[in-house]
């Protein structure tokens, strides 16, 4: 039925796999906090740990996974590594997830147009 529609478009298996992996890695509250903090600007593990309310070793492990997934990048300065979000796609992805959570939490209708986290 759908395949007969000329506008119908399915993602490739590789796109689906990579998207699922990104969602899997974001399925952790500490990672969401860390990533949101990085969207505000570059930061160190110690600062991110404080912001996320987690141990620096745990944040470091989370960052390693996020880095492997291409969601964050690191910049070495001497013995320190400063992390940042990989690109604006990460901002959009996380902003949409948080916007969706706002709607669920406050029982807002789907067509509610206010996007507080994306402005």
N, C-alpha and C. Protein backbone atom coordinates (compact mmCIF):
# COMPACT_ATOMS: atom_id res chain seq x y z
N UNK A 1 0.82 -1.18 0.00
CA UNK A 1 0.00 0.00 0.00
C UNK A 1 0.88 1.26 0.00
N UNK A 2 1.78 1.42 0.99
CA UNK A 2 2.63 2.60 1.06
C UNK A 2 3.61 2.67 -0.10
N UNK A 3 4.17 1.53 -0.46
CA UNK A 3 5.21 1.49 -1.49
C UNK A 3 4.69 1.99 -2.84
N UNK A 4 3.39 1.93 -3.07
CA UNK A 4 2.84 2.40 -4.34
C UNK A 4 2.74 3.92 -4.40
N UNK A 5 2.90 4.60 -3.26
CA UNK A 5 2.85 6.05 -3.24
C UNK A 5 4.18 6.63 -3.71
N UNK A 6 4.17 7.56 -4.67
CA UNK A 6 5.43 8.10 -5.19
C UNK A 6 6.23 8.89 -4.15
N UNK A 7 5.58 9.42 -3.10
CA UNK A 7 6.29 10.19 -2.07
C UNK A 7 6.86 9.30 -0.98
N UNK A 8 6.52 8.02 -0.99
CA UNK A 8 6.94 7.12 0.07
C UNK A 8 8.44 6.91 0.01
N UNK A 9 9.08 7.05 1.18
CA UNK A 9 10.53 6.91 1.24
C UNK A 9 10.90 6.24 2.56
N UNK A 10 11.62 5.14 2.48
CA UNK A 10 12.10 4.43 3.68
C UNK A 10 13.59 4.69 3.84
N UNK A 11 14.06 4.84 5.09
CA UNK A 11 15.51 4.98 5.29
C UNK A 11 16.21 3.66 4.98
N UNK A 12 17.51 3.77 4.73
CA UNK A 12 18.28 2.55 4.47
C UNK A 12 18.48 1.79 5.77
N UNK A 13 18.85 0.53 5.68
CA UNK A 13 19.12 -0.26 6.87
C UNK A 13 20.24 0.36 7.70
N UNK A 14 21.25 0.90 7.05
CA UNK A 14 22.36 1.54 7.75
C UNK A 14 21.89 2.79 8.51
N UNK A 15 21.04 3.60 7.89
CA UNK A 15 20.50 4.78 8.57
C UNK A 15 19.68 4.37 9.79
N UNK A 16 18.87 3.35 9.65
CA UNK A 16 18.04 2.87 10.76
C UNK A 16 18.93 2.36 11.89
N UNK A 17 19.97 1.61 11.55
CA UNK A 17 20.88 1.07 12.56
C UNK A 17 21.58 2.20 13.31
N UNK A 18 22.10 3.20 12.59
CA UNK A 18 22.81 4.31 13.23
C UNK A 18 21.87 5.16 14.09
N UNK A 19 20.66 5.39 13.63
CA UNK A 19 19.68 6.14 14.42
C UNK A 19 19.33 5.38 15.70
N UNK A 20 19.11 4.09 15.58
CA UNK A 20 18.78 3.27 16.75
C UNK A 20 19.93 3.29 17.75
N UNK A 21 21.15 3.25 17.26
CA UNK A 21 22.32 3.29 18.15
C UNK A 21 22.40 4.64 18.87
N UNK A 22 22.11 5.72 18.17
CA UNK A 22 22.11 7.04 18.80
C UNK A 22 21.04 7.11 19.89
N UNK A 23 19.85 6.62 19.60
CA UNK A 23 18.78 6.62 20.61
C UNK A 23 19.15 5.73 21.80
N UNK A 24 19.78 4.60 21.51
CA UNK A 24 20.19 3.70 22.60
C UNK A 24 21.17 4.40 23.53
N UNK A 25 22.11 5.13 22.95
CA UNK A 25 23.10 5.83 23.76
C UNK A 25 22.50 7.01 24.52
N UNK A 26 21.44 7.58 24.01
CA UNK A 26 20.79 8.70 24.69
C UNK A 26 19.79 8.23 25.75
N UNK A 27 19.60 6.94 25.87
CA UNK A 27 18.63 6.40 26.81
C UNK A 27 19.21 6.31 28.22
N UNK A 28 19.86 7.38 28.65
CA UNK A 28 20.45 7.43 29.98
C UNK A 28 20.37 8.87 30.48
N UNK A 29 19.78 9.10 31.65
CA UNK A 29 19.62 10.47 32.14
C UNK A 29 20.93 11.24 32.28
N UNK A 30 21.99 10.57 32.74
CA UNK A 30 23.27 11.26 32.89
C UNK A 30 23.80 11.71 31.53
N UNK A 31 23.68 10.86 30.53
CA UNK A 31 24.15 11.23 29.19
C UNK A 31 23.36 12.41 28.64
N UNK A 32 22.07 12.44 28.89
CA UNK A 32 21.26 13.56 28.42
C UNK A 32 21.70 14.85 29.10
N UNK A 33 21.93 14.80 30.41
CA UNK A 33 22.40 15.98 31.13
C UNK A 33 23.76 16.44 30.60
N UNK A 34 24.66 15.51 30.42
CA UNK A 34 26.01 15.83 29.92
C UNK A 34 25.91 16.44 28.53
N UNK A 35 25.14 15.83 27.68
CA UNK A 35 25.01 16.34 26.31
C UNK A 35 24.37 17.71 26.29
N UNK A 36 23.33 17.92 27.11
CA UNK A 36 22.69 19.23 27.15
C UNK A 36 23.68 20.29 27.64
N UNK A 37 24.48 19.95 28.65
CA UNK A 37 25.50 20.88 29.14
C UNK A 37 26.49 21.21 28.03
N UNK A 38 26.87 20.22 27.25
CA UNK A 38 27.83 20.46 26.15
C UNK A 38 27.23 21.31 25.05
N UNK A 39 25.93 21.30 24.92
CA UNK A 39 25.29 22.16 23.93
C UNK A 39 25.36 23.63 24.35
N UNK A 40 25.62 23.87 25.63
CA UNK A 40 25.78 25.24 26.12
C UNK A 40 27.21 25.74 25.91
N UNK A 41 28.13 24.80 25.67
CA UNK A 41 29.52 25.18 25.45
C UNK A 41 30.48 24.08 25.87
N UNK A 42 31.70 24.23 25.45
CA UNK A 42 32.76 23.27 25.73
C UNK A 42 32.97 23.13 27.24
N UNK A 43 33.31 21.91 27.68
CA UNK A 43 33.47 21.68 29.11
C UNK A 43 34.42 20.53 29.39
N UNK A 44 34.93 20.50 30.62
CA UNK A 44 35.81 19.42 31.07
C UNK A 44 34.98 18.34 31.77
N UNK A 45 35.60 17.19 31.99
CA UNK A 45 34.92 16.09 32.68
C UNK A 45 34.51 16.52 34.08
N UNK A 46 35.40 17.20 34.80
CA UNK A 46 35.10 17.60 36.18
C UNK A 46 33.88 18.53 36.23
N UNK A 47 33.82 19.48 35.34
CA UNK A 47 32.68 20.40 35.30
C UNK A 47 31.40 19.67 34.92
N UNK A 48 31.48 18.79 33.94
CA UNK A 48 30.31 18.03 33.52
C UNK A 48 29.81 17.12 34.64
N UNK A 49 30.74 16.55 35.40
CA UNK A 49 30.36 15.68 36.51
C UNK A 49 29.58 16.46 37.54
N UNK A 50 30.03 17.67 37.83
CA UNK A 50 29.33 18.52 38.79
C UNK A 50 27.93 18.88 38.28
N UNK A 51 27.84 19.26 37.01
CA UNK A 51 26.55 19.64 36.43
C UNK A 51 25.57 18.47 36.38
N UNK A 52 26.09 17.28 36.09
CA UNK A 52 25.22 16.11 35.96
C UNK A 52 24.96 15.41 37.29
N UNK A 53 25.70 15.81 38.32
CA UNK A 53 25.54 15.15 39.61
C UNK A 53 26.02 13.72 39.59
N UNK A 54 27.13 13.50 38.92
CA UNK A 54 27.68 12.15 38.78
C UNK A 54 29.18 12.17 39.06
N UNK A 55 29.74 11.01 39.29
CA UNK A 55 31.18 10.90 39.53
C UNK A 55 31.94 11.17 38.23
N UNK A 56 33.10 11.83 38.32
CA UNK A 56 33.90 12.08 37.12
C UNK A 56 34.24 10.82 36.33
N UNK A 57 34.51 9.71 37.01
CA UNK A 57 34.82 8.47 36.28
C UNK A 57 33.62 7.99 35.47
N UNK A 58 32.42 8.12 36.04
CA UNK A 58 31.22 7.72 35.32
C UNK A 58 30.99 8.63 34.12
N UNK A 59 31.17 9.94 34.31
CA UNK A 59 30.99 10.89 33.20
C UNK A 59 32.00 10.62 32.11
N UNK A 60 33.22 10.31 32.48
CA UNK A 60 34.25 9.99 31.50
C UNK A 60 33.86 8.78 30.65
N UNK A 61 33.29 7.76 31.29
CA UNK A 61 32.82 6.58 30.56
C UNK A 61 31.67 6.93 29.63
N UNK A 62 30.75 7.75 30.10
CA UNK A 62 29.63 8.18 29.26
C UNK A 62 30.15 8.97 28.06
N UNK A 63 31.10 9.86 28.28
CA UNK A 63 31.67 10.66 27.19
C UNK A 63 32.35 9.78 26.15
N UNK A 64 33.04 8.75 26.60
CA UNK A 64 33.70 7.84 25.67
C UNK A 64 32.68 7.19 24.73
N UNK A 65 31.56 6.78 25.28
CA UNK A 65 30.51 6.15 24.46
C UNK A 65 29.88 7.17 23.51
N UNK A 66 29.60 8.36 24.03
CA UNK A 66 29.01 9.41 23.19
C UNK A 66 29.98 9.82 22.07
N UNK A 67 31.26 9.80 22.38
CA UNK A 67 32.27 10.15 21.38
C UNK A 67 32.33 9.09 20.28
N UNK A 68 32.30 7.82 20.68
CA UNK A 68 32.30 6.73 19.69
C UNK A 68 31.09 6.79 18.77
N UNK A 69 29.97 7.27 19.30
CA UNK A 69 28.74 7.38 18.52
C UNK A 69 28.72 8.64 17.66
N UNK A 70 29.74 9.49 17.80
CA UNK A 70 29.80 10.71 17.01
C UNK A 70 28.91 11.82 17.53
N UNK A 71 28.48 11.73 18.80
CA UNK A 71 27.60 12.74 19.37
C UNK A 71 28.38 13.86 20.07
N UNK A 72 29.59 13.55 20.52
CA UNK A 72 30.47 14.56 21.12
C UNK A 72 31.86 14.45 20.51
N UNK A 73 32.64 15.52 20.68
CA UNK A 73 34.03 15.51 20.24
C UNK A 73 34.88 16.10 21.34
N UNK A 74 36.14 15.74 21.33
CA UNK A 74 37.05 16.22 22.36
C UNK A 74 38.20 16.99 21.76
N UNK A 75 38.72 17.94 22.55
CA UNK A 75 39.87 18.75 22.15
C UNK A 75 40.86 18.70 23.30
N UNK A 76 42.07 18.24 23.00
CA UNK A 76 43.10 18.12 24.03
C UNK A 76 43.86 19.43 24.17
N UNK A 77 44.04 19.83 25.43
CA UNK A 77 44.84 21.01 25.74
C UNK A 77 45.74 20.62 26.92
N UNK A 78 46.98 20.32 26.63
CA UNK A 78 47.89 19.82 27.66
C UNK A 78 47.42 18.46 28.13
N UNK A 79 47.20 18.35 29.44
CA UNK A 79 46.73 17.07 29.99
C UNK A 79 45.20 17.00 30.10
N UNK A 80 44.53 18.08 29.73
CA UNK A 80 43.07 18.14 29.83
C UNK A 80 42.42 17.91 28.47
N UNK A 81 41.22 17.33 28.52
CA UNK A 81 40.40 17.19 27.31
C UNK A 81 39.13 17.99 27.55
N UNK A 82 38.79 18.82 26.59
CA UNK A 82 37.57 19.62 26.65
C UNK A 82 36.60 19.07 25.61
N UNK A 83 35.39 18.82 26.04
CA UNK A 83 34.39 18.20 25.19
C UNK A 83 33.36 19.22 24.72
N UNK A 84 32.78 18.92 23.56
CA UNK A 84 31.69 19.72 23.01
C UNK A 84 30.78 18.81 22.22
N UNK A 85 29.57 19.30 21.95
CA UNK A 85 28.64 18.55 21.10
C UNK A 85 29.23 18.46 19.69
N UNK A 86 28.99 17.37 19.01
CA UNK A 86 29.60 17.14 17.71
C UNK A 86 29.13 18.14 16.65
N UNK A 87 27.83 18.47 16.65
CA UNK A 87 27.29 19.37 15.63
C UNK A 87 25.88 19.81 15.99
N UNK A 88 25.27 20.62 15.13
CA UNK A 88 23.92 21.12 15.40
C UNK A 88 22.85 20.04 15.30
N UNK A 89 23.15 18.93 14.63
CA UNK A 89 22.18 17.84 14.58
C UNK A 89 21.92 17.30 15.99
N UNK A 90 22.97 17.28 16.81
CA UNK A 90 22.82 16.81 18.19
C UNK A 90 21.88 17.74 18.95
N UNK A 91 22.03 19.04 18.74
CA UNK A 91 21.14 20.02 19.40
C UNK A 91 19.69 19.75 19.01
N UNK A 92 19.43 19.58 17.72
CA UNK A 92 18.07 19.34 17.26
C UNK A 92 17.48 18.06 17.82
N UNK A 93 18.29 17.02 17.83
CA UNK A 93 17.84 15.73 18.33
C UNK A 93 17.46 15.81 19.81
N UNK A 94 18.33 16.41 20.60
CA UNK A 94 18.08 16.50 22.03
C UNK A 94 16.97 17.50 22.33
N UNK A 95 16.93 18.60 21.63
CA UNK A 95 15.87 19.60 21.84
C UNK A 95 14.51 18.99 21.54
N UNK A 96 14.40 18.22 20.48
CA UNK A 96 13.12 17.58 20.15
C UNK A 96 12.72 16.56 21.22
N UNK A 97 13.69 15.79 21.72
CA UNK A 97 13.38 14.81 22.76
C UNK A 97 12.90 15.50 24.03
N UNK A 98 13.56 16.60 24.42
CA UNK A 98 13.15 17.33 25.62
C UNK A 98 11.81 18.04 25.41
N UNK A 99 11.59 18.54 24.22
CA UNK A 99 10.30 19.17 23.89
C UNK A 99 9.18 18.13 23.98
N UNK A 100 9.43 16.96 23.46
CA UNK A 100 8.46 15.88 23.55
C UNK A 100 8.18 15.53 25.02
N UNK A 101 9.24 15.48 25.82
CA UNK A 101 9.08 15.18 27.25
C UNK A 101 8.25 16.26 27.94
N UNK A 102 8.45 17.53 27.56
CA UNK A 102 7.63 18.61 28.11
C UNK A 102 6.15 18.36 27.83
N UNK A 103 5.85 17.92 26.61
CA UNK A 103 4.46 17.66 26.24
C UNK A 103 3.88 16.50 27.04
N UNK A 104 4.67 15.47 27.23
CA UNK A 104 4.19 14.33 28.01
C UNK A 104 4.00 14.71 29.46
N UNK A 105 4.96 15.45 30.02
CA UNK A 105 4.94 15.82 31.42
C UNK A 105 3.77 16.76 31.75
N UNK A 106 3.51 17.70 30.85
CA UNK A 106 2.47 18.71 31.11
C UNK A 106 1.18 18.39 30.38
N UNK A 107 1.11 17.22 29.74
CA UNK A 107 -0.09 16.77 29.03
C UNK A 107 -0.56 17.81 28.01
N UNK A 108 0.40 18.34 27.23
CA UNK A 108 0.08 19.33 26.20
C UNK A 108 -0.33 18.62 24.91
N UNK A 109 -1.18 19.25 24.11
CA UNK A 109 -1.54 18.65 22.82
C UNK A 109 -0.34 18.65 21.88
N UNK A 110 -0.31 17.72 20.97
CA UNK A 110 0.81 17.57 20.04
C UNK A 110 1.03 18.80 19.18
N UNK A 111 -0.01 19.55 18.88
CA UNK A 111 0.13 20.71 18.00
C UNK A 111 0.59 21.96 18.73
N UNK A 112 0.82 21.87 20.05
CA UNK A 112 1.30 23.02 20.82
C UNK A 112 2.61 23.50 20.21
N UNK A 113 2.68 24.76 19.80
CA UNK A 113 3.77 25.25 18.97
C UNK A 113 4.97 25.79 19.73
N UNK A 114 4.91 25.99 21.00
CA UNK A 114 6.01 26.60 21.74
C UNK A 114 7.16 25.62 21.90
N UNK A 115 8.35 26.00 21.46
CA UNK A 115 9.55 25.16 21.57
C UNK A 115 10.57 25.87 22.45
N UNK A 116 10.41 25.82 23.78
CA UNK A 116 11.29 26.61 24.65
C UNK A 116 12.76 26.24 24.58
N UNK A 117 13.09 25.02 24.32
CA UNK A 117 14.49 24.59 24.34
C UNK A 117 15.22 24.84 23.03
N UNK A 118 14.47 25.14 21.97
CA UNK A 118 15.10 25.32 20.68
C UNK A 118 15.31 26.78 20.35
N UNK A 119 14.81 27.69 21.18
CA UNK A 119 14.93 29.11 20.88
C UNK A 119 16.18 29.69 21.49
